[in-house]
Amino acid sequence: MKKYKLLKDLPRAKAGEIVIITNAHSNTAGILKINKWNEDETQRPRLAFIHTKNVDEWLEEIKETKSVWDLCIGDNFYFLSSQGDVVECVLTDSCTDSASRLNGNTFLTIEEAEKERDRRQAIAKILKYCYENNIDNSWKENDYEVRYYFCLSLEEEKVEFFYPRDDQKPYSPIGYFSWNDAKKILKTFPKELKSIYS
């Protein structure tokens, strides 16, 4: 749903408030219903009716940021520090901001940043476990040593391990495992695997 900034005062709303058009798709007479925007309420009080030819003098469309590539100088974003903290920042024309975007370390919301931090920490935890327990998680090209990988089973909505078909090497951020090692990791790290693959 598109949101707009009100450019002039109305009896029940001030210029600068966020409003929506509630009949944008069912409008046949050129009259738009303007309502206050409140994401917690389904019933919104109607503020005014505006004719479509007067929209530009009353409303300014708020462009919704859909991707980190849509961010402009002055926009807020989040990134992960080297300590794993989620940091809020304002985009400038700096090399650091550009590098952050290019390296996949720029997020539109705090929730996205936290989810990615948890995913990275889960990967590191499993890789450390493999290292400490001498678990070989490398890909094997030969046919006689089958290697399994983890992925999310969409049918059962849980993480399971599978073996590749047709000698294709699927992407796996934590590596490839023998049957026994895959079972051990699935049992030891169910929460971490879910964080990585969901």
C-alpha atoms as a PDB file:
ATOM      1  CA  MET A   1       0.000   0.000   0.000  1.00  0.00           C
ATOM      2  CA  LYS A   2       1.452   3.339  -1.053  1.00  0.00           C
ATOM      3  CA  LYS A   3       1.901   5.980   1.630  1.00  0.00           C
ATOM      4  CA  TYR A   4       1.845   9.732   1.156  1.00  0.00           C
ATOM      5  CA  LYS A   5       2.936  12.787   3.099  1.00  0.00           C
ATOM      6  CA  LEU A   6       0.141  15.305   3.573  1.00  0.00           C
ATOM      7  CA  LEU A   7       1.259  18.682   2.177  1.00  0.00           C
ATOM      8  CA  LYS A   8      -1.544  20.856   3.654  1.00  0.00           C
ATOM      9  CA  ASP A   9      -3.449  20.873   6.923  1.00  0.00           C
ATOM     10  CA  LEU A  10      -6.842  19.167   7.102  1.00  0.00           C
ATOM     11  CA  PRO A  11      -9.340  19.590   9.954  1.00  0.00           C
ATOM     12  CA  ARG A  12      -8.228  16.267  11.511  1.00  0.00           C
ATOM     13  CA  ALA A  13      -4.635  16.010  10.259  1.00  0.00           C
ATOM     14  CA  LYS A  14      -1.637  18.274   9.966  1.00  0.00           C
ATOM     15  CA  ALA A  15       0.714  18.745   7.027  1.00  0.00           C
ATOM     16  CA  GLY A  16       3.549  16.234   7.250  1.00  0.00           C
ATOM     17  CA  GLU A  17       1.426  13.366   8.596  1.00  0.00           C
ATOM     18  CA  ILE A  18       1.418  10.057   6.730  1.00  0.00           C
ATOM     19  CA  VAL A  19      -1.798   9.188   4.908  1.00  0.00           C
ATOM     20  CA  ILE A  20      -3.034   6.544   2.486  1.00  0.00           C
ATOM     21  CA  ILE A  21      -5.553   6.416  -0.338  1.00  0.00           C
ATOM     22  CA  THR A  22      -8.079   3.730   0.546  1.00  0.00           C
ATOM     23  CA  ASN A  23     -10.012   3.525  -2.701  1.00  0.00           C
ATOM     24  CA  ALA A  24      -7.175   3.789  -5.214  1.00  0.00           C
ATOM     25  CA  HIS A  25      -8.220   0.625  -7.083  1.00  0.00           C
ATOM     26  CA  SER A  26     -12.000   1.014  -6.868  1.00  0.00           C
ATOM     27  CA  ASN A  27     -12.113   4.712  -7.728  1.00  0.00           C
ATOM     28  CA  THR A  28     -14.366   5.443 -10.727  1.00  0.00           C
ATOM     29  CA  ALA A  29     -15.432   9.058 -10.157  1.00  0.00           C
ATOM     30  CA  GLY A  30     -11.981  10.594  -9.790  1.00  0.00           C
ATOM     31  CA  ILE A  31     -12.489  11.116  -6.035  1.00  0.00           C
ATOM     32  CA  LEU A  32      -9.900   9.669  -3.660  1.00  0.00           C
ATOM     33  CA  LYS A  33     -10.564   8.819  -0.001  1.00  0.00           C
ATOM     34  CA  ILE A  34      -7.708   9.967   2.228  1.00  0.00           C
ATOM     35  CA  ASN A  35      -7.169   8.204   5.550  1.00  0.00           C
ATOM     36  CA  LYS A  36      -4.526   8.410   8.273  1.00  0.00           C
ATOM     37  CA  TRP A  37      -1.924   5.662   8.142  1.00  0.00           C
ATOM     38  CA  ASN A  38      -1.772   3.453  11.228  1.00  0.00           C
ATOM     39  CA  GLU A  39      -0.308  -0.008  10.740  1.00  0.00           C
ATOM     40  CA  ASP A  40      -1.845  -1.257  14.004  1.00  0.00           C
ATOM     41  CA  GLU A  41      -5.427  -0.429  13.070  1.00  0.00           C
ATOM     42  CA  THR A  42      -7.636  -1.912  10.404  1.00  0.00           C
ATOM     43  CA  GLN A  43     -10.307   0.796  10.778  1.00  0.00           C
ATOM     44  CA  ARG A  44      -8.938   4.206   9.905  1.00  0.00           C
ATOM     45  CA  PRO A  45     -10.944   7.420  10.246  1.00  0.00           C
ATOM     46  CA  ARG A  46     -11.621   9.031   6.870  1.00  0.00           C
ATOM     47  CA  LEU A  47      -9.969  12.445   6.715  1.00  0.00           C
ATOM     48  CA  ALA A  48     -11.000  13.892   3.380  1.00  0.00           C
ATOM     49  CA  PHE A  49     -11.959  13.379  -0.234  1.00  0.00           C
ATOM     50  CA  ILE A  50      -9.599  14.738  -2.884  1.00  0.00           C
ATOM     51  CA  HIS A  51     -10.202  14.902  -6.616  1.00  0.00           C
ATOM     52  CA  THR A  52      -7.520  13.110  -8.641  1.00  0.00           C
ATOM     53  CA  LYS A  53      -6.561  16.292 -10.483  1.00  0.00           C
ATOM     54  CA  ASN A  54      -5.629  17.947  -7.122  1.00  0.00           C
ATOM     55  CA  VAL A  55      -3.513  15.091  -5.762  1.00  0.00           C
ATOM     56  CA  ASP A  56      -0.144  16.777  -6.390  1.00  0.00           C
ATOM     57  CA  GLU A  57      -1.022  19.854  -4.341  1.00  0.00           C
ATOM     58  CA  TRP A  58      -2.210  17.765  -1.361  1.00  0.00           C
ATOM     59  CA  LEU A  59      -0.047  14.635  -1.340  1.00  0.00           C
ATOM     60  CA  GLU A  60       3.573  13.660  -1.909  1.00  0.00           C
ATOM     61  CA  GLU A  61       4.217   9.961  -2.476  1.00  0.00           C
ATOM     62  CA  ILE A  62       6.682   8.423  -0.036  1.00  0.00           C
ATOM     63  CA  LYS A  63       9.070   6.198  -1.955  1.00  0.00           C
ATOM     64  CA  GLU A  64       9.427   2.880  -0.165  1.00  0.00           C
ATOM     65  CA  THR A  65      12.935   1.489  -0.008  1.00  0.00           C
ATOM     66  CA  LYS A  66      12.810  -2.093  -1.267  1.00  0.00           C
ATOM     67  CA  SER A  67      16.531  -2.822  -1.559  1.00  0.00           C
ATOM     68  CA  VAL A  68      19.794  -1.596  -0.087  1.00  0.00           C
ATOM     69  CA  TRP A  69      20.592  -0.444  -3.631  1.00  0.00           C
ATOM     70  CA  ASP A  70      17.675   2.039  -3.386  1.00  0.00           C
ATOM     71  CA  LEU A  71      19.266   3.825  -0.407  1.00  0.00           C
ATOM     72  CA  CYS A  72      20.211   7.456  -0.971  1.00  0.00           C
ATOM     73  CA  ILE A  73      22.529   9.779   0.941  1.00  0.00           C
ATOM     74  CA  GLY A  74      20.807  10.632   4.227  1.00  0.00           C
ATOM     75  CA  ASP A  75      18.832   7.346   4.470  1.00  0.00           C
ATOM     76  CA  ASN A  76      19.157   5.194   7.586  1.00  0.00           C
ATOM     77  CA  PHE A  77      20.481   1.647   7.344  1.00  0.00           C
ATOM     78  CA  TYR A  78      21.991  -1.017   9.593  1.00  0.00           C
ATOM     79  CA  PHE A  79      25.248  -2.947   9.405  1.00  0.00           C
ATOM     80  CA  LEU A  80      27.064  -5.563  11.475  1.00  0.00           C
ATOM     81  CA  SER A  81      30.230  -4.536  13.278  1.00  0.00           C
ATOM     82  CA  SER A  82      33.181  -6.923  13.543  1.00  0.00           C
ATOM     83  CA  GLN A  83      32.029  -7.664  17.128  1.00  0.00           C
ATOM     84  CA  GLY A  84      28.587  -8.733  15.863  1.00  0.00           C
ATOM     85  CA  ASP A  85      26.753  -5.623  17.046  1.00  0.00           C
ATOM     86  CA  VAL A  86      23.935  -4.210  14.918  1.00  0.00           C
ATOM     87  CA  VAL A  87      24.808  -0.574  14.214  1.00  0.00           C
ATOM     88  CA  GLU A  88      22.389   2.032  12.870  1.00  0.00           C
ATOM     89  CA  CYS A  89      23.976   4.463  10.446  1.00  0.00           C
ATOM     90  CA  VAL A  90      23.121   7.244   7.996  1.00  0.00           C
ATOM     91  CA  LEU A  91      24.283   6.705   4.423  1.00  0.00           C
ATOM     92  CA  THR A  92      26.956   9.152   3.299  1.00  0.00           C
ATOM     93  CA  ASP A  93      29.135   9.195   0.224  1.00  0.00           C
ATOM     94  CA  SER A  94      31.944   7.346   2.002  1.00  0.00           C
ATOM     95  CA  CYS A  95      34.006   4.379   0.873  1.00  0.00           C
ATOM     96  CA  THR A  96      32.968   2.525   4.028  1.00  0.00           C
ATOM     97  CA  ASP A  97      29.259   2.739   3.147  1.00  0.00           C
ATOM     98  CA  SER A  98      29.932   1.573  -0.420  1.00  0.00           C
ATOM     99  CA  ALA A  99      32.086  -1.326   0.782  1.00  0.00           C
ATOM    100  CA  SER A 100      29.433  -2.294   3.314  1.00  0.00           C
ATOM    101  CA  ARG A 101      26.845  -2.578   0.537  1.00  0.00           C
ATOM    102  CA  LEU A 102      29.167  -4.395  -1.857  1.00  0.00           C
ATOM    103  CA  ASN A 103      30.046  -6.963   0.821  1.00  0.00           C
ATOM    104  CA  GLY A 104      26.436  -7.686   1.777  1.00  0.00           C
ATOM    105  CA  ASN A 105      26.730  -5.981   5.150  1.00  0.00           C
ATOM    106  CA  THR A 106      24.004  -3.352   4.701  1.00  0.00           C
ATOM    107  CA  PHE A 107      20.429  -3.990   5.883  1.00  0.00           C
ATOM    108  CA  LEU A 108      17.195  -2.010   5.665  1.00  0.00           C
ATOM    109  CA  THR A 109      15.852  -3.099   9.061  1.00  0.00           C
ATOM    110  CA  ILE A 110      17.279  -4.082  12.419  1.00  0.00           C
ATOM    111  CA  GLU A 111      15.450  -7.426  12.100  1.00  0.00           C
ATOM    112  CA  GLU A 112      17.246  -8.253   8.827  1.00  0.00           C
ATOM    113  CA  ALA A 113      20.601  -7.373  10.395  1.00  0.00           C
ATOM    114  CA  GLU A 114      19.934  -9.481  13.508  1.00  0.00           C
ATOM    115  CA  LYS A 115      18.833 -12.457  11.394  1.00  0.00           C
ATOM    116  CA  GLU A 116      22.005 -12.275   9.295  1.00  0.00           C
ATOM    117  CA  ARG A 117      24.169 -11.905  12.423  1.00  0.00           C
ATOM    118  CA  ASP A 118      22.547 -15.005  13.933  1.00  0.00           C
ATOM    119  CA  ARG A 119      23.066 -16.900  10.653  1.00  0.00           C
ATOM    120  CA  ARG A 120      26.761 -15.959  10.482  1.00  0.00           C
ATOM    121  CA  GLN A 121      27.310 -16.891  14.137  1.00  0.00           C
ATOM    122  CA  ALA A 122      25.578 -20.248  13.594  1.00  0.00           C
ATOM    123  CA  ILE A 123      27.838 -20.995  10.612  1.00  0.00           C
ATOM    124  CA  ALA A 124      30.942 -20.069  12.636  1.00  0.00           C
ATOM    125  CA  LYS A 125      29.801 -22.229  15.566  1.00  0.00           C
ATOM    126  CA  ILE A 126      29.357 -25.313  13.367  1.00  0.00           C
ATOM    127  CA  LEU A 127      32.639 -24.740  11.503  1.00  0.00           C
ATOM    128  CA  LYS A 128      34.465 -24.391  14.838  1.00  0.00           C
ATOM    129  CA  TYR A 129      32.856 -27.651  16.042  1.00  0.00           C
ATOM    130  CA  CYS A 130      34.018 -29.397  12.851  1.00  0.00           C
ATOM    131  CA  TYR A 131      37.550 -28.093  13.345  1.00  0.00           C
ATOM    132  CA  GLU A 132      37.717 -29.068  17.037  1.00  0.00           C
ATOM    133  CA  ASN A 133      36.327 -32.550  16.350  1.00  0.00           C
ATOM    134  CA  ASN A 134      38.352 -33.278  13.200  1.00  0.00           C
ATOM    135  CA  ILE A 135      35.222 -33.506  11.071  1.00  0.00           C
ATOM    136  CA  ASP A 136      36.053 -33.368   7.384  1.00  0.00           C
ATOM    137  CA  ASN A 137      33.517 -31.045   5.751  1.00  0.00           C
ATOM    138  CA  SER A 138      35.197 -30.785   2.352  1.00  0.00           C
ATOM    139  CA  TRP A 139      33.693 -31.762  -0.981  1.00  0.00           C
ATOM    140  CA  LYS A 140      34.858 -35.107  -2.418  1.00  0.00           C
ATOM    141  CA  GLU A 141      34.924 -35.585  -6.172  1.00  0.00           C
ATOM    142  CA  ASN A 142      35.087 -39.385  -6.132  1.00  0.00           C
ATOM    143  CA  ASP A 143      31.934 -41.488  -6.367  1.00  0.00           C
ATOM    144  CA  TYR A 144      32.728 -43.974  -3.625  1.00  0.00           C
ATOM    145  CA  GLU A 145      32.621 -41.419  -0.793  1.00  0.00           C
ATOM    146  CA  VAL A 146      29.173 -39.882  -0.679  1.00  0.00           C
ATOM    147  CA  ARG A 147      28.989 -36.424   0.895  1.00  0.00           C
ATOM    148  CA  TYR A 148      25.801 -35.004   2.364  1.00  0.00           C
ATOM    149  CA  TYR A 149      24.735 -31.396   2.653  1.00  0.00           C
ATOM    150  CA  PHE A 150      22.047 -29.609   4.646  1.00  0.00           C
ATOM    151  CA  CYS A 151      19.073 -27.687   3.321  1.00  0.00           C
ATOM    152  CA  LEU A 152      15.552 -26.731   4.331  1.00  0.00           C
ATOM    153  CA  SER A 153      12.914 -29.298   3.414  1.00  0.00           C
ATOM    154  CA  LEU A 154       9.999 -27.198   2.186  1.00  0.00           C
ATOM    155  CA  GLU A 155       7.530 -30.064   2.514  1.00  0.00           C
ATOM    156  CA  GLU A 156       8.248 -30.670   6.183  1.00  0.00           C
ATOM    157  CA  GLU A 157       9.585 -27.186   6.999  1.00  0.00           C
ATOM    158  CA  LYS A 158      12.632 -28.530   8.779  1.00  0.00           C
ATOM    159  CA  VAL A 159      16.339 -28.788   8.083  1.00  0.00           C
ATOM    160  CA  GLU A 160      17.456 -32.165   6.740  1.00  0.00           C
ATOM    161  CA  PHE A 161      20.538 -33.495   5.013  1.00  0.00           C
ATOM    162  CA  PHE A 162      20.595 -34.809   1.467  1.00  0.00           C
ATOM    163  CA  TYR A 163      23.100 -36.219  -0.952  1.00  0.00           C
ATOM    164  CA  PRO A 164      23.674 -34.441  -4.267  1.00  0.00           C
ATOM    165  CA  ARG A 165      22.298 -35.971  -7.443  1.00  0.00           C
ATOM    166  CA  ASP A 166      24.018 -36.056 -10.835  1.00  0.00           C
ATOM    167  CA  ASP A 167      27.415 -35.199  -9.332  1.00  0.00           C
ATOM    168  CA  GLN A 168      26.325 -31.607  -8.835  1.00  0.00           C
ATOM    169  CA  LYS A 169      28.021 -29.745  -6.021  1.00  0.00           C
ATOM    170  CA  PRO A 170      25.269 -27.782  -4.235  1.00  0.00           C
ATOM    171  CA  TYR A 171      26.101 -24.637  -2.292  1.00  0.00           C
ATOM    172  CA  SER A 172      26.598 -25.301   1.409  1.00  0.00           C
ATOM    173  CA  PRO A 173      27.879 -22.609   3.794  1.00  0.00           C
ATOM    174  CA  ILE A 174      29.000 -25.210   6.347  1.00  0.00           C
ATOM    175  CA  GLY A 175      30.413 -27.836   3.994  1.00  0.00           C
ATOM    176  CA  TYR A 176      29.705 -31.458   3.103  1.00  0.00           C
ATOM    177  CA  PHE A 177      29.682 -34.425   5.452  1.00  0.00           C
ATOM    178  CA  SER A 178      29.715 -38.176   5.779  1.00  0.00           C
ATOM    179  CA  TRP A 179      26.426 -39.778   6.827  1.00  0.00           C
ATOM    180  CA  ASN A 180      27.511 -40.165  10.470  1.00  0.00           C
ATOM    181  CA  ASP A 181      28.904 -36.636  10.739  1.00  0.00           C
ATOM    182  CA  ALA A 182      25.765 -35.179   9.147  1.00  0.00           C
ATOM    183  CA  LYS A 183      23.600 -37.021  11.713  1.00  0.00           C
ATOM    184  CA  LYS A 184      25.821 -35.778  14.542  1.00  0.00           C
ATOM    185  CA  ILE A 185      25.619 -32.151  13.379  1.00  0.00           C
ATOM    186  CA  LEU A 186      21.853 -32.360  12.884  1.00  0.00           C
ATOM    187  CA  LYS A 187      21.465 -33.653  16.444  1.00  0.00           C
ATOM    188  CA  THR A 188      23.939 -31.176  18.006  1.00  0.00           C
ATOM    189  CA  PHE A 189      22.906 -27.994  16.175  1.00  0.00           C
ATOM    190  CA  PRO A 190      19.170 -28.039  15.333  1.00  0.00           C
ATOM    191  CA  LYS A 191      18.646 -24.389  16.276  1.00  0.00           C
ATOM    192  CA  GLU A 192      21.739 -23.198  14.435  1.00  0.00           C
ATOM    193  CA  LEU A 193      20.835 -25.144  11.284  1.00  0.00           C
ATOM    194  CA  LYS A 194      17.377 -23.613  11.301  1.00  0.00           C
ATOM    195  CA  SER A 195      18.929 -20.148  11.617  1.00  0.00           C
ATOM    196  CA  ILE A 196      21.193 -20.841   8.631  1.00  0.00           C
ATOM    197  CA  TYR A 197      18.631 -22.383   6.310  1.00  0.00           C
ATOM    198  CA  SER A 198      15.349 -20.632   7.052  1.00  0.00           C
END
